[in-house]
C-alpha atoms as a PDB file:
ATOM      1  CA  UNK A   1     -34.979 -56.300  -8.588  1.00  0.00           C
ATOM      2  CA  UNK A   2     -34.445 -52.698  -7.497  1.00  0.00           C
ATOM      3  CA  UNK A   3     -31.863 -53.821  -4.980  1.00  0.00           C
ATOM      4  CA  UNK A   4     -29.913 -55.731  -7.600  1.00  0.00           C
ATOM      5  CA  UNK A   5     -29.937 -52.782 -10.057  1.00  0.00           C
ATOM      6  CA  UNK A   6     -28.846 -50.422  -7.292  1.00  0.00           C
ATOM      7  CA  UNK A   7     -26.191 -52.899  -6.212  1.00  0.00           C
ATOM      8  CA  UNK A   8     -24.999 -53.324  -9.820  1.00  0.00           C
ATOM      9  CA  UNK A   9     -24.813 -49.549 -10.267  1.00  0.00           C
ATOM     10  CA  UNK A  10     -22.960 -49.064  -6.964  1.00  0.00           C
ATOM     11  CA  UNK A  11     -20.591 -51.907  -7.764  1.00  0.00           C
ATOM     12  CA  UNK A  12     -19.887 -50.420 -11.234  1.00  0.00           C
ATOM     13  CA  UNK A  13     -19.269 -47.000  -9.686  1.00  0.00           C
ATOM     14  CA  UNK A  14     -16.953 -48.506  -7.095  1.00  0.00           C
ATOM     15  CA  UNK A  15     -14.990 -50.380  -9.770  1.00  0.00           C
ATOM     16  CA  UNK A  16     -14.671 -47.165 -11.774  1.00  0.00           C
ATOM     17  CA  UNK A  17     -13.320 -45.331  -8.709  1.00  0.00           C
ATOM     18  CA  UNK A  18     -10.880 -48.152  -7.953  1.00  0.00           C
ATOM     19  CA  UNK A  19      -9.721 -48.367 -11.577  1.00  0.00           C
ATOM     20  CA  UNK A  20      -9.300 -44.592 -11.781  1.00  0.00           C
ATOM     21  CA  UNK A  21      -7.408 -44.526  -8.475  1.00  0.00           C
ATOM     22  CA  UNK A  22      -5.002 -47.262  -9.572  1.00  0.00           C
ATOM     23  CA  UNK A  23      -4.348 -45.590 -12.893  1.00  0.00           C
ATOM     24  CA  UNK A  24      -3.585 -42.290 -11.098  1.00  0.00           C
ATOM     25  CA  UNK A  25      -0.951 -43.919  -8.863  1.00  0.00           C
ATOM     26  CA  UNK A  26       1.652 -44.291 -11.647  1.00  0.00           C
ATOM     27  CA  UNK A  27       0.957 -40.715 -12.759  1.00  0.00           C
ATOM     28  CA  UNK A  28       1.513 -39.424  -9.219  1.00  0.00           C
ATOM     29  CA  UNK A  29       4.697 -41.510  -8.895  1.00  0.00           C
ATOM     30  CA  UNK A  30       5.925 -40.203 -12.263  1.00  0.00           C
ATOM     31  CA  UNK A  31       5.186 -36.657 -11.140  1.00  0.00           C
ATOM     32  CA  UNK A  32       7.078 -37.166  -7.858  1.00  0.00           C
ATOM     33  CA  UNK A  33      10.039 -38.649  -9.723  1.00  0.00           C
ATOM     34  CA  UNK A  34      10.052 -35.709 -12.147  1.00  0.00           C
ATOM     35  CA  UNK A  35       9.881 -33.247  -9.236  1.00  0.00           C
ATOM     36  CA  UNK A  36      12.787 -35.015  -7.523  1.00  0.00           C
ATOM     37  CA  UNK A  37      14.895 -34.987 -10.713  1.00  0.00           C
ATOM     38  CA  UNK A  38      14.162 -31.283 -11.131  1.00  0.00           C
ATOM     39  CA  UNK A  39      15.238 -30.616  -7.518  1.00  0.00           C
ATOM     40  CA  UNK A  40      18.427 -32.649  -8.046  1.00  0.00           C
ATOM     41  CA  UNK A  41      19.265 -30.694 -11.213  1.00  0.00           C
ATOM     42  CA  UNK A  42      18.690 -27.385  -9.420  1.00  0.00           C
ATOM     43  CA  UNK A  43      20.968 -28.312  -6.504  1.00  0.00           C
ATOM     44  CA  UNK A  44      23.602 -29.819  -8.835  1.00  0.00           C
ATOM     45  CA  UNK A  45      23.699 -26.461 -10.669  1.00  0.00           C
ATOM     46  CA  UNK A  46      24.283 -24.675  -7.350  1.00  0.00           C
ATOM     47  CA  UNK A  47      26.935 -27.202  -6.285  1.00  0.00           C
ATOM     48  CA  UNK A  48      28.824 -27.165  -9.603  1.00  0.00           C
ATOM     49  CA  UNK A  49      32.136 -25.349  -9.641  1.00  0.00           C
ATOM     50  CA  UNK A  50      35.019 -24.808  -7.252  1.00  0.00           C
ATOM     51  CA  UNK A  51      34.524 -24.411  -3.509  1.00  0.00           C
ATOM     52  CA  UNK A  52      37.156 -23.371  -0.943  1.00  0.00           C
ATOM     53  CA  UNK A  53      37.074 -24.919   2.531  1.00  0.00           C
ATOM     54  CA  UNK A  54      36.484 -22.230   5.171  1.00  0.00           C
ATOM     55  CA  UNK A  55      36.443 -24.504   8.214  1.00  0.00           C
ATOM     56  CA  UNK A  56      36.402 -28.142   9.187  1.00  0.00           C
ATOM     57  CA  UNK A  57      35.020 -29.432  12.462  1.00  0.00           C
ATOM     58  CA  UNK A  58      35.717 -33.059  13.351  1.00  0.00           C
ATOM     59  CA  UNK A  59      34.444 -34.441  16.659  1.00  0.00           C
ATOM     60  CA  UNK A  60      33.962 -30.925  18.011  1.00  0.00           C
ATOM     61  CA  UNK A  61      37.446 -29.684  17.089  1.00  0.00           C
ATOM     62  CA  UNK A  62      37.381 -26.798  14.594  1.00  0.00           C
ATOM     63  CA  UNK A  63      40.193 -25.998  12.182  1.00  0.00           C
ATOM     64  CA  UNK A  64      39.946 -22.759  10.206  1.00  0.00           C
ATOM     65  CA  UNK A  65      43.626 -21.912   9.700  1.00  0.00           C
ATOM     66  CA  UNK A  66      45.154 -20.731   6.389  1.00  0.00           C
ATOM     67  CA  UNK A  67      46.228 -24.284   5.474  1.00  0.00           C
ATOM     68  CA  UNK A  68      42.565 -25.342   5.375  1.00  0.00           C
ATOM     69  CA  UNK A  69      41.827 -22.482   2.946  1.00  0.00           C
ATOM     70  CA  UNK A  70      44.164 -24.131   0.405  1.00  0.00           C
ATOM     71  CA  UNK A  71      41.843 -27.119   0.202  1.00  0.00           C
ATOM     72  CA  UNK A  72      39.203 -26.907  -2.522  1.00  0.00           C
ATOM     73  CA  UNK A  73      36.680 -29.213  -4.088  1.00  0.00           C
ATOM     74  CA  UNK A  74      35.542 -29.228  -7.701  1.00  0.00           C
ATOM     75  CA  UNK A  75      31.974 -30.424  -8.261  1.00  0.00           C
ATOM     76  CA  UNK A  76      30.598 -31.481 -11.638  1.00  0.00           C
ATOM     77  CA  UNK A  77      26.982 -31.352 -12.732  1.00  0.00           C
ATOM     78  CA  UNK A  78      26.946 -35.163 -12.799  1.00  0.00           C
ATOM     79  CA  UNK A  79      27.917 -35.664  -9.139  1.00  0.00           C
ATOM     80  CA  UNK A  80      31.632 -36.226  -9.803  1.00  0.00           C
ATOM     81  CA  UNK A  81      33.974 -34.434  -7.423  1.00  0.00           C
ATOM     82  CA  UNK A  82      37.702 -33.840  -7.026  1.00  0.00           C
ATOM     83  CA  UNK A  83      39.384 -32.816  -3.776  1.00  0.00           C
ATOM     84  CA  UNK A  84      42.456 -30.620  -4.224  1.00  0.00           C
ATOM     85  CA  UNK A  85      45.176 -29.448  -1.846  1.00  0.00           C
ATOM     86  CA  UNK A  86      47.361 -26.619  -3.106  1.00  0.00           C
ATOM     87  CA  UNK A  87      45.883 -27.172  -6.569  1.00  0.00           C
ATOM     88  CA  UNK A  88      46.819 -30.873  -6.750  1.00  0.00           C
ATOM     89  CA  UNK A  89      44.136 -33.564  -6.880  1.00  0.00           C
ATOM     90  CA  UNK A  90      44.321 -35.791  -3.811  1.00  0.00           C
ATOM     91  CA  UNK A  91      40.991 -37.628  -4.136  1.00  0.00           C
ATOM     92  CA  UNK A  92      38.163 -38.174  -6.606  1.00  0.00           C
ATOM     93  CA  UNK A  93      34.746 -39.694  -6.319  1.00  0.00           C
ATOM     94  CA  UNK A  94      31.033 -39.367  -6.862  1.00  0.00           C
ATOM     95  CA  UNK A  95      28.067 -38.128  -4.899  1.00  0.00           C
ATOM     96  CA  UNK A  96      24.356 -38.825  -4.898  1.00  0.00           C
ATOM     97  CA  UNK A  97      22.076 -36.146  -3.463  1.00  0.00           C
ATOM     98  CA  UNK A  98      18.465 -36.040  -2.367  1.00  0.00           C
ATOM     99  CA  UNK A  99      17.310 -32.441  -2.045  1.00  0.00           C
ATOM    100  CA  UNK A 100      13.723 -33.594  -1.431  1.00  0.00           C
ATOM    101  CA  UNK A 101      14.514 -35.059   1.986  1.00  0.00           C
ATOM    102  CA  UNK A 102      14.598 -32.861   5.077  1.00  0.00           C
ATOM    103  CA  UNK A 103      17.360 -32.203   5.776  1.00  0.00           C
ATOM    104  CA  UNK A 104      18.833 -32.685   2.301  1.00  0.00           C
ATOM    105  CA  UNK A 105      21.020 -35.812   2.125  1.00  0.00           C
ATOM    106  CA  UNK A 106      24.226 -36.702   0.331  1.00  0.00           C
ATOM    107  CA  UNK A 107      26.074 -39.970  -0.269  1.00  0.00           C
ATOM    108  CA  UNK A 108      29.823 -39.697  -1.003  1.00  0.00           C
ATOM    109  CA  UNK A 109      32.098 -42.366  -2.423  1.00  0.00           C
ATOM    110  CA  UNK A 110      35.823 -42.002  -2.994  1.00  0.00           C
ATOM    111  CA  UNK A 111      37.106 -43.887  -6.047  1.00  0.00           C
ATOM    112  CA  UNK A 112      40.682 -42.629  -6.221  1.00  0.00           C
ATOM    113  CA  UNK A 113      42.895 -41.060  -3.586  1.00  0.00           C
ATOM    114  CA  UNK A 114      46.554 -40.379  -2.961  1.00  0.00           C
ATOM    115  CA  UNK A 115      45.807 -41.191   0.684  1.00  0.00           C
ATOM    116  CA  UNK A 116      45.775 -44.968   0.938  1.00  0.00           C
ATOM    117  CA  UNK A 117      43.200 -45.162   3.730  1.00  0.00           C
ATOM    118  CA  UNK A 118      40.789 -42.854   1.833  1.00  0.00           C
ATOM    119  CA  UNK A 119      40.412 -45.043  -1.274  1.00  0.00           C
ATOM    120  CA  UNK A 120      37.030 -46.686  -1.572  1.00  0.00           C
ATOM    121  CA  UNK A 121      35.564 -44.884   1.427  1.00  0.00           C
ATOM    122  CA  UNK A 122      31.829 -44.301   1.656  1.00  0.00           C
ATOM    123  CA  UNK A 123      30.205 -41.515   3.675  1.00  0.00           C
ATOM    124  CA  UNK A 124      26.705 -40.189   4.046  1.00  0.00           C
ATOM    125  CA  UNK A 125      25.419 -36.968   5.484  1.00  0.00           C
ATOM    126  CA  UNK A 126      23.332 -33.875   5.144  1.00  0.00           C
ATOM    127  CA  UNK A 127      23.976 -30.707   3.197  1.00  0.00           C
ATOM    128  CA  UNK A 128      22.752 -27.219   2.496  1.00  0.00           C
ATOM    129  CA  UNK A 129      23.776 -25.082  -0.449  1.00  0.00           C
ATOM    130  CA  UNK A 130      23.306 -21.432  -1.347  1.00  0.00           C
ATOM    131  CA  UNK A 131      24.740 -19.252  -4.136  1.00  0.00           C
ATOM    132  CA  UNK A 132      28.111 -18.637  -2.425  1.00  0.00           C
ATOM    133  CA  UNK A 133      28.118 -20.843   0.677  1.00  0.00           C
ATOM    134  CA  UNK A 134      27.455 -24.447   1.540  1.00  0.00           C
ATOM    135  CA  UNK A 135      27.807 -26.851   4.446  1.00  0.00           C
ATOM    136  CA  UNK A 136      28.016 -30.592   4.666  1.00  0.00           C
ATOM    137  CA  UNK A 137      27.931 -32.747   7.791  1.00  0.00           C
ATOM    138  CA  UNK A 138      28.868 -36.369   7.179  1.00  0.00           C
ATOM    139  CA  UNK A 139      29.928 -39.611   8.825  1.00  0.00           C
ATOM    140  CA  UNK A 140      31.120 -43.025   7.641  1.00  0.00           C
ATOM    141  CA  UNK A 141      28.223 -44.886   5.982  1.00  0.00           C
ATOM    142  CA  UNK A 142      28.013 -47.402   8.840  1.00  0.00           C
ATOM    143  CA  UNK A 143      27.170 -44.632  11.365  1.00  0.00           C
ATOM    144  CA  UNK A 144      23.737 -43.026  11.856  1.00  0.00           C
ATOM    145  CA  UNK A 145      22.981 -40.168   9.470  1.00  0.00           C
ATOM    146  CA  UNK A 146      23.488 -36.739  11.110  1.00  0.00           C
ATOM    147  CA  UNK A 147      20.205 -34.994  11.883  1.00  0.00           C
ATOM    148  CA  UNK A 148      21.594 -31.459  12.121  1.00  0.00           C
ATOM    149  CA  UNK A 149      24.703 -29.382  11.501  1.00  0.00           C
ATOM    150  CA  UNK A 150      25.498 -29.298  15.216  1.00  0.00           C
ATOM    151  CA  UNK A 151      28.598 -31.530  15.025  1.00  0.00           C
ATOM    152  CA  UNK A 152      29.992 -31.994  18.514  1.00  0.00           C
ATOM    153  CA  UNK A 153      32.569 -34.176  20.189  1.00  0.00           C
ATOM    154  CA  UNK A 154      32.300 -37.960  20.217  1.00  0.00           C
ATOM    155  CA  UNK A 155      29.819 -37.942  17.317  1.00  0.00           C
ATOM    156  CA  UNK A 156      32.255 -38.938  14.588  1.00  0.00           C
ATOM    157  CA  UNK A 157      30.691 -36.185  12.474  1.00  0.00           C
ATOM    158  CA  UNK A 158      32.702 -34.018  10.123  1.00  0.00           C
ATOM    159  CA  UNK A 159      31.221 -30.592   9.445  1.00  0.00           C
ATOM    160  CA  UNK A 160      32.731 -28.656   6.533  1.00  0.00           C
ATOM    161  CA  UNK A 161      31.854 -25.092   5.572  1.00  0.00           C
ATOM    162  CA  UNK A 162      32.709 -23.893   2.052  1.00  0.00           C
ATOM    163  CA  UNK A 163      32.631 -20.678   0.084  1.00  0.00           C
ATOM    164  CA  UNK A 164      32.291 -20.550  -3.696  1.00  0.00           C
ATOM    165  CA  UNK A 165      35.419 -19.612  -5.624  1.00  0.00           C
ATOM    166  CA  UNK A 166      34.383 -16.868  -7.979  1.00  0.00           C
ATOM    167  CA  UNK A 167      36.621 -16.121 -10.933  1.00  0.00           C
ATOM    168  CA  UNK A 168      36.406 -12.630 -12.347  1.00  0.00           C
END
């Protein structure tokens, strides 16, 4: 009889632990989701605004001439972006970011472009953003995600460095 009471007590305790553990899982998942949304909002706030291209490196070839400096990108708080050359919109699209991954990741889709071969393109990559500077290293979505901002020849990676346009 003592064994069965002890067993019943242990079994009840175990069931309580299991039930408590399972009920905590959704709370932990909700907390993680809230933390991720908060991180996304924080990075979207940093990314919002107008950014001037400082340099572009594609397959190890860097271009930082004055023509590149006339290319800007406007980022909205909702992930919408517009690419401009000499103040004229040449492409528009959306982005999805994950600042909780390491490195931070970005997914880019072009919805409208004056360049026929750029319409409907899909890229993914990594990014870093600070108050006045940011970098993005991306490739077509069918290529492996870049692991660093190293770029290099024969990688297919495009590394873009930006500076924030500050209006006074």
